[in-house]
Protein backbone atom coordinates (compact mmCIF):
# COMPACT_ATOMS: atom_id res chain seq x y z
CA MET A 1 17.31 25.97 -11.35
CA PRO A 2 20.14 23.41 -11.67
CA ALA A 3 23.20 23.78 -9.47
CA SER A 4 26.37 25.35 -10.91
CA ARG A 5 28.19 22.04 -10.39
CA ARG A 6 27.15 18.42 -10.10
CA PHE A 7 25.36 17.36 -6.92
CA ARG A 8 27.56 14.72 -5.29
CA VAL A 9 25.88 11.76 -3.56
CA GLY A 10 27.85 9.26 -1.53
CA TYR A 11 26.92 5.76 -0.43
CA LEU A 12 28.82 3.32 1.78
CA SER A 13 29.95 -0.03 0.38
CA HIS A 14 26.93 -1.00 -1.72
CA VAL A 15 23.48 0.05 -2.90
CA PRO A 16 20.33 -2.05 -2.38
CA HIS A 17 19.83 -2.53 -6.11
CA GLN A 18 21.56 -1.67 -9.37
CA SER A 19 18.56 0.47 -10.36
CA PHE A 20 19.88 3.26 -8.10
CA LEU A 21 23.04 3.54 -10.16
CA ASP A 22 21.24 3.01 -13.46
CA THR A 23 18.70 5.73 -12.68
CA ALA A 24 21.32 8.14 -11.37
CA ALA A 25 23.36 7.65 -14.56
CA GLN A 26 20.45 9.09 -16.55
CA HIS A 27 20.80 12.43 -14.71
CA PRO A 28 24.03 14.24 -15.66
CA ALA A 29 23.65 16.68 -12.75
CA LEU A 30 24.27 13.80 -10.31
CA ASP A 31 27.73 12.63 -9.31
CA VAL A 32 27.45 9.34 -7.38
CA VAL A 33 30.46 8.05 -5.48
CA ARG A 34 31.02 4.77 -3.66
CA ILE A 35 32.80 5.04 -0.31
CA PRO A 36 34.33 1.71 0.76
CA LEU A 37 33.88 0.63 4.36
CA ASP A 38 37.05 -1.48 4.40
CA GLN A 39 39.19 1.52 5.28
CA PRO A 40 39.82 3.54 8.45
CA GLU A 41 36.87 5.44 9.88
CA SER A 42 38.78 8.68 9.36
CA ALA A 43 39.01 7.96 5.63
CA VAL A 44 35.27 7.29 5.40
CA LEU A 45 34.54 10.56 7.20
CA ALA A 46 36.89 12.43 4.90
CA ALA A 47 35.04 11.08 1.87
CA LEU A 48 31.64 11.92 3.38
CA ARG A 49 32.77 15.51 3.93
CA GLU A 50 32.99 15.85 0.15
CA VAL A 51 29.36 14.91 -0.59
CA ASP A 52 26.18 16.97 -0.75
CA GLY A 53 23.85 14.01 -0.28
CA PHE A 54 24.25 10.80 1.73
CA TYR A 55 22.39 7.67 0.58
CA VAL A 56 22.00 5.95 3.95
CA MET A 57 21.42 2.26 4.63
CA ALA A 58 18.10 2.06 6.47
CA SER A 59 18.72 -1.14 8.45
CA ARG A 60 20.57 -0.88 11.74
CA ASP A 61 22.39 -4.17 11.18
CA GLU A 62 23.79 -3.05 7.80
CA LEU A 63 25.25 0.32 8.75
CA PRO A 64 28.10 0.68 11.28
CA LYS A 65 26.96 2.89 14.16
CA PRO A 66 29.57 5.62 13.61
CA PHE A 67 27.86 6.37 10.29
CA HIS A 68 24.29 6.54 11.57
CA VAL A 69 23.14 10.07 10.79
CA ARG A 70 22.98 11.39 14.33
CA ALA A 71 24.18 14.64 15.89
CA GLU A 72 27.69 13.25 16.33
CA LEU A 73 28.13 12.45 12.64
CA LEU A 74 26.44 15.65 11.50
CA ALA A 75 28.95 17.64 13.53
CA GLU A 76 31.65 16.01 11.39
CA LEU A 77 29.84 16.80 8.12
CA PRO A 78 29.09 20.54 8.10
CA GLY A 79 28.59 20.54 4.33
CA LEU A 80 25.98 17.78 4.17
CA LEU A 81 22.73 19.02 2.62
CA MET A 82 20.54 15.93 2.28
CA ALA A 83 20.18 12.40 3.65
CA GLY A 84 18.08 9.81 1.86
CA SER A 85 17.34 6.41 3.38
CA THR A 86 17.51 3.24 1.31
CA GLY A 87 13.98 2.28 2.35
CA ALA A 88 10.71 3.48 3.79
CA GLY A 89 12.20 3.34 7.28
CA TYR A 90 14.93 5.62 8.54
CA ASP A 91 16.07 4.04 11.81
CA THR A 92 19.65 5.06 11.06
CA ILE A 93 18.75 8.74 10.60
CA ASP A 94 17.76 11.16 13.38
CA PRO A 95 15.36 13.65 11.76
CA ILE A 96 15.47 16.00 14.76
CA ALA A 97 19.26 16.22 14.66
CA CYS A 98 19.10 16.69 10.89
CA THR A 99 16.62 19.52 11.26
CA GLU A 100 18.89 21.23 13.77
CA ALA A 101 21.76 20.86 11.29
CA GLY A 102 19.70 22.11 8.33
CA VAL A 103 19.82 18.73 6.58
CA LEU A 104 16.85 17.58 4.49
CA VAL A 105 15.74 13.97 5.10
CA VAL A 106 13.80 11.88 2.57
CA ASN A 107 12.67 8.27 2.61
CA GLN A 108 11.25 5.95 -0.02
CA ALA A 109 7.81 5.40 1.51
CA GLY A 110 5.57 3.24 -0.66
CA GLY A 111 8.39 1.87 -2.76
CA ASN A 112 8.31 -1.54 -1.09
CA ALA A 113 4.65 -1.57 -0.06
CA GLU A 114 3.73 -4.56 -2.21
CA GLY A 115 6.54 -6.74 -0.89
CA VAL A 116 5.81 -5.91 2.74
CA ALA A 117 2.04 -6.27 2.35
CA GLU A 118 2.34 -9.69 0.72
CA HIS A 119 4.71 -10.79 3.50
CA ALA A 120 2.26 -9.71 6.21
CA VAL A 121 -0.71 -11.46 4.61
CA GLY A 122 1.41 -14.54 3.93
CA MET A 123 2.25 -14.72 7.62
CA MET A 124 -1.43 -14.43 8.53
CA LEU A 125 -2.33 -17.36 6.29
CA ALA A 126 0.54 -19.55 7.47
CA LEU A 127 -0.17 -18.87 11.14
CA LEU A 128 -3.90 -19.51 10.92
CA LYS A 129 -3.22 -22.76 9.06
CA ARG A 130 -0.55 -23.61 11.70
CA MET A 131 2.07 -24.30 9.06
CA PRO A 132 5.09 -23.66 11.33
CA GLU A 133 3.74 -26.12 13.90
CA ALA A 134 3.00 -28.72 11.23
CA GLN A 135 6.49 -28.35 9.80
CA ALA A 136 8.10 -28.70 13.24
CA ALA A 137 6.02 -31.81 14.01
CA MET A 138 6.94 -33.47 10.72
CA ARG A 139 10.64 -32.76 11.09
CA ALA A 140 10.59 -34.12 14.66
CA GLY A 141 8.71 -37.29 13.68
CA ARG A 142 5.62 -36.22 15.65
CA ALA A 143 3.24 -35.85 12.68
CA LYS A 144 0.63 -38.45 13.61
CA ASP A 145 -2.57 -36.66 14.66
CA ARG A 146 -3.72 -34.24 11.96
CA VAL A 147 -6.62 -33.03 14.08
CA ALA A 148 -4.14 -31.79 16.68
CA LEU A 149 -3.07 -29.23 14.08
CA MET A 150 -6.57 -28.05 13.17
CA GLY A 151 -6.24 -24.65 11.53
CA ARG A 152 -8.50 -21.71 10.80
CA GLU A 153 -9.36 -19.84 7.61
CA LEU A 154 -8.66 -16.18 7.01
CA ARG A 155 -11.83 -15.50 5.07
CA GLY A 156 -14.27 -13.27 6.95
CA ARG A 157 -12.05 -12.71 9.98
CA THR A 158 -11.69 -9.23 11.44
CA VAL A 159 -8.20 -7.82 10.99
CA GLY A 160 -6.91 -4.79 12.87
CA LEU A 161 -4.22 -2.68 11.23
CA VAL A 162 -2.19 -0.36 13.42
CA GLY A 163 -1.21 2.21 10.83
CA ILE A 164 -2.80 2.57 7.39
CA GLY A 165 -0.21 4.24 5.21
CA ASN A 166 1.15 2.76 2.01
CA VAL A 167 1.64 -0.78 3.34
CA GLY A 168 -1.45 -0.83 5.53
CA THR A 169 -3.61 0.34 2.65
CA ARG A 170 -2.36 -2.47 0.40
CA VAL A 171 -2.87 -5.04 3.18
CA ALA A 172 -6.43 -3.80 3.63
CA GLU A 173 -7.06 -4.13 -0.11
CA ILE A 174 -5.77 -7.71 -0.25
CA LEU A 175 -7.76 -8.74 2.82
CA ARG A 176 -10.95 -7.10 1.63
CA LEU A 177 -10.90 -8.26 -1.99
CA ALA A 178 -9.38 -11.72 -1.61
CA PHE A 179 -10.75 -12.79 1.77
CA SER A 180 -13.81 -10.59 2.49
CA CYS A 181 -12.26 -9.54 5.79
CA PRO A 182 -13.69 -6.63 7.78
CA VAL A 183 -10.70 -4.35 8.41
CA LEU A 184 -10.27 -2.01 11.37
CA ALA A 185 -7.55 0.64 11.43
CA CYS A 186 -6.04 2.78 14.15
CA ASP A 187 -4.02 5.70 12.83
CA PRO A 188 -4.07 9.10 14.56
CA TYR A 189 -2.71 10.83 11.45
CA VAL A 190 -5.50 9.73 9.08
CA ASP A 191 -9.12 10.87 9.35
CA ALA A 192 -12.11 8.55 9.25
CA ALA A 193 -13.08 9.43 5.67
CA THR A 194 -9.59 8.68 4.37
CA VAL A 195 -9.43 5.43 6.33
CA ALA A 196 -12.76 4.44 4.78
CA ALA A 197 -11.44 5.27 1.31
CA ARG A 198 -8.52 2.97 2.04
CA GLY A 199 -10.86 0.10 2.84
CA ALA A 200 -11.07 0.10 6.63
CA ARG A 201 -13.07 1.49 9.54
CA LYS A 202 -11.29 3.92 11.83
CA VAL A 203 -11.27 2.90 15.49
CA GLU A 204 -9.24 3.65 18.58
CA MET A 205 -6.63 1.21 19.85
CA PRO A 206 -8.71 -0.42 22.64
CA GLU A 207 -11.49 -1.34 20.21
CA LEU A 208 -9.03 -2.62 17.61
CA LEU A 209 -7.32 -4.91 20.11
CA ALA A 210 -10.58 -6.20 21.55
CA GLU A 211 -12.37 -6.85 18.25
CA SER A 212 -9.64 -8.15 15.93
CA ASP A 213 -8.93 -11.81 15.20
CA LEU A 214 -5.56 -10.74 13.82
CA VAL A 215 -3.56 -7.60 14.64
CA SER A 216 -0.91 -6.38 12.19
CA LEU A 217 1.48 -3.46 12.71
CA HIS A 218 2.21 -1.03 9.86
CA LEU A 219 3.59 2.12 11.49
CA PRO A 220 7.02 3.70 11.86
CA LEU A 221 9.06 3.63 15.04
CA SER A 222 8.76 6.97 16.83
CA LEU A 223 8.65 8.35 20.35
CA GLU A 224 4.89 7.79 20.29
CA SER A 225 4.98 4.23 18.94
CA ARG A 226 7.91 2.87 20.96
CA GLY A 227 6.57 0.21 23.33
CA LEU A 228 3.03 0.58 21.98
CA MET A 229 2.39 -3.16 22.09
CA SER A 230 3.01 -3.77 25.78
CA ALA A 231 1.94 -6.56 28.13
CA GLU A 232 -1.28 -4.62 28.69
CA SER A 233 -1.88 -4.35 24.94
CA PHE A 234 -1.41 -8.08 24.39
CA ALA A 235 -3.75 -8.79 27.31
CA ARG A 236 -6.43 -6.67 25.60
CA MET A 237 -6.27 -8.75 22.42
CA LYS A 238 -8.80 -11.51 21.87
CA LYS A 239 -7.86 -14.86 23.34
CA GLY A 240 -6.59 -17.01 20.48
CA SER A 241 -5.83 -14.05 18.23
CA VAL A 242 -2.78 -13.71 15.98
CA PHE A 243 -0.14 -10.95 16.10
CA VAL A 244 1.91 -9.93 13.04
CA THR A 245 4.47 -7.19 12.62
CA THR A 246 6.43 -6.06 9.59
CA ALA A 247 6.87 -2.57 11.05
CA ARG A 248 9.87 -1.96 13.30
CA GLY A 249 11.43 -3.53 16.36
CA ASN A 250 10.86 -1.81 19.72
CA ILE A 251 7.21 -1.10 18.89
CA HIS A 252 6.24 -4.41 20.47
CA ASP A 253 7.63 -5.62 23.80
CA GLU A 254 9.35 -8.93 23.00
CA PRO A 255 9.27 -10.44 26.54
CA ALA A 256 5.61 -9.45 26.88
CA LEU A 257 4.79 -11.11 23.56
CA HIS A 258 6.65 -14.26 24.58
CA ALA A 259 4.65 -14.40 27.81
CA ALA A 260 1.36 -13.92 25.95
CA LEU A 261 2.25 -16.72 23.53
CA ALA A 262 3.47 -19.05 26.28
CA SER A 263 0.23 -18.57 28.23
CA GLY A 264 -1.86 -19.37 25.15
CA HIS A 265 -3.62 -16.00 25.20
CA ILE A 266 -2.05 -15.16 21.83
CA ALA A 267 -2.28 -18.16 19.50
CA ALA A 268 0.58 -17.32 17.16
CA ALA A 269 2.83 -14.54 15.92
CA GLY A 270 4.67 -13.54 12.76
CA LEU A 271 7.74 -11.38 13.39
CA ASP A 272 9.84 -9.72 10.70
CA VAL A 273 11.40 -7.04 12.93
CA TRP A 274 13.36 -7.16 16.17
CA GLU A 275 14.90 -5.03 18.90
CA GLN A 276 18.27 -6.42 17.85
CA GLU A 277 18.61 -7.40 14.20
CA PRO A 278 19.25 -10.20 13.74
CA PRO A 279 18.22 -11.47 17.18
CA PRO A 280 20.62 -13.78 19.03
CA PRO A 281 20.08 -17.52 18.38
CA SER A 282 19.10 -17.97 22.03
CA HIS A 283 16.16 -15.55 21.75
CA PRO A 284 13.10 -17.26 23.31
CA LEU A 285 10.80 -16.31 20.44
CA LEU A 286 13.00 -18.20 17.97
CA ASN A 287 12.26 -21.46 19.74
CA MET A 288 8.45 -21.37 19.61
CA ASP A 289 6.71 -23.57 17.03
CA ASN A 290 3.78 -21.15 16.76
CA VAL A 291 5.96 -18.21 15.71
CA ILE A 292 7.15 -17.39 12.18
CA VAL A 293 10.42 -15.48 12.24
CA THR A 294 12.09 -13.59 9.40
CA GLN A 295 15.09 -11.28 9.40
CA HIS A 296 13.54 -7.98 8.32
CA THR A 297 13.07 -9.38 4.83
CA ALA A 298 9.45 -8.39 4.16
CA GLY A 299 10.50 -5.72 1.69
CA VAL A 300 13.53 -7.57 0.38
CA THR A 301 12.20 -8.62 -3.01
CA HIS A 302 13.73 -7.96 -6.42
CA GLU A 303 10.78 -5.76 -7.33
CA SER A 304 10.69 -3.73 -4.10
CA ARG A 305 14.45 -3.23 -3.98
CA SER A 306 14.46 -2.04 -7.57
CA ASN A 307 11.60 0.36 -6.93
CA ILE A 308 12.92 1.94 -3.73
CA SER A 309 16.36 2.34 -5.27
CA ARG A 310 14.93 4.01 -8.37
CA ILE A 311 12.84 6.53 -6.43
CA ALA A 312 15.79 7.30 -4.13
CA ALA A 313 17.91 8.18 -7.15
CA LEU A 314 15.09 10.35 -8.47
CA ALA A 315 14.92 12.22 -5.15
CA PHE A 316 18.61 13.09 -5.36
CA ALA A 317 18.14 13.97 -9.04
CA ASP A 318 15.40 16.42 -8.06
CA ALA A 319 17.76 18.12 -5.63
CA ALA A 320 20.47 18.24 -8.28
CA ALA A 321 18.03 19.93 -10.67
CA GLY A 322 16.98 22.57 -8.14
CA ARG A 323 13.68 20.96 -7.15
CA LEU A 324 12.54 19.91 -3.71
CA PRO A 325 12.11 16.12 -3.71
CA PRO A 326 8.98 14.32 -2.51
CA ARG A 327 8.71 12.26 0.70
CA ILE A 328 10.38 14.82 2.95
CA ILE A 329 10.47 13.58 6.55
CA ASN A 330 11.32 16.92 8.17
CA PRO A 331 9.47 19.61 6.19
CA GLU A 332 10.17 22.17 8.91
CA VAL A 333 13.79 22.30 7.72
CA VAL A 334 12.99 23.34 4.15
CA GLY A 335 13.61 27.05 4.74
CA ARG A 336 17.04 26.54 6.25
CA PHE A 337 17.88 23.79 3.78
CA THR A 338 17.20 26.07 0.82
CA GLU A 339 19.47 28.73 2.32
CA ARG A 340 22.29 26.22 2.86
CA TYR A 341 21.75 24.79 -0.64
CA ALA A 342 22.05 28.24 -2.22
CA ALA A 343 25.12 29.12 -0.16
CA LYS A 344 26.93 25.90 -1.08
CA LEU A 345 25.86 25.41 -4.69
CA GLY A 346 25.34 28.99 -5.80
CA THR A 347 21.76 28.55 -6.98
CA THR A 348 18.24 28.21 -5.65
CA ILE A 349 16.00 25.24 -5.00
CA SER A 350 12.21 25.31 -4.86
């Protein structure tokens, strides 16, 4: 049942793509407001107190820390009902704190899967062919011995995917159909039959690390995944293997990876995510010729940005129309959320 008034959604400064505003405009029950960041923090907080939903920048480097949706901010926003991230990730939102506050959290999982998957596979190809090293040699005037830059082909190589959700599934499909790669997957939340249906063979982490020619991360940052790729994990990988991550910073240990690359145990790495984004120019990994570095841009394509923005607007539109949206991160809060929704808006949601 639609709310008795329009459901107000606020965003800070800008949206990822115009499609959010265009889609929202097609739903009269939505009232979308822009809250400028070039004003005192107190003014931003005052504006946020007037919204029902908060469209939250997903990247840590884009959103000022005072407006990360943590317990401190939630205490200032007692009327907030819903927080939706601008992407599949939600590093700037604390789901546990939101659950305690009765706030529903949604993300846009799958909306940028194609962009991220293509980025990951592109890194694999470039690293195996040693393109970064060849480019560095040419620019430095050292491009004399082509054999010194002998590359390898992706076709037929075993690839291990840590996580096989939306992005991992698309990566597996590309690798299997285009390059005839055997694909292994480690994902404790997906059973063996589902993994097989997604084009991979389910294994545990030790087997994946030991058997894969390339290891690619496709999982969210959580208490369980933080520090997953440690010095011990890199040591378990095949000598000469390749490491790629388009997941989240803090899942892999950056000093441990640098050491594994410097020793030659890991041949090359492709890194789209960092502990600090962007990393400082002096970061050791930025100065290695066998490392491709990007600034969390795997999903930053016109198509992916348009898609994730559209489905975010649709999630808020669902809430405005009295429907629970898809992609709920904290389903345990639904009962309390529906009570708060009814108390604030005078109608039910289901």
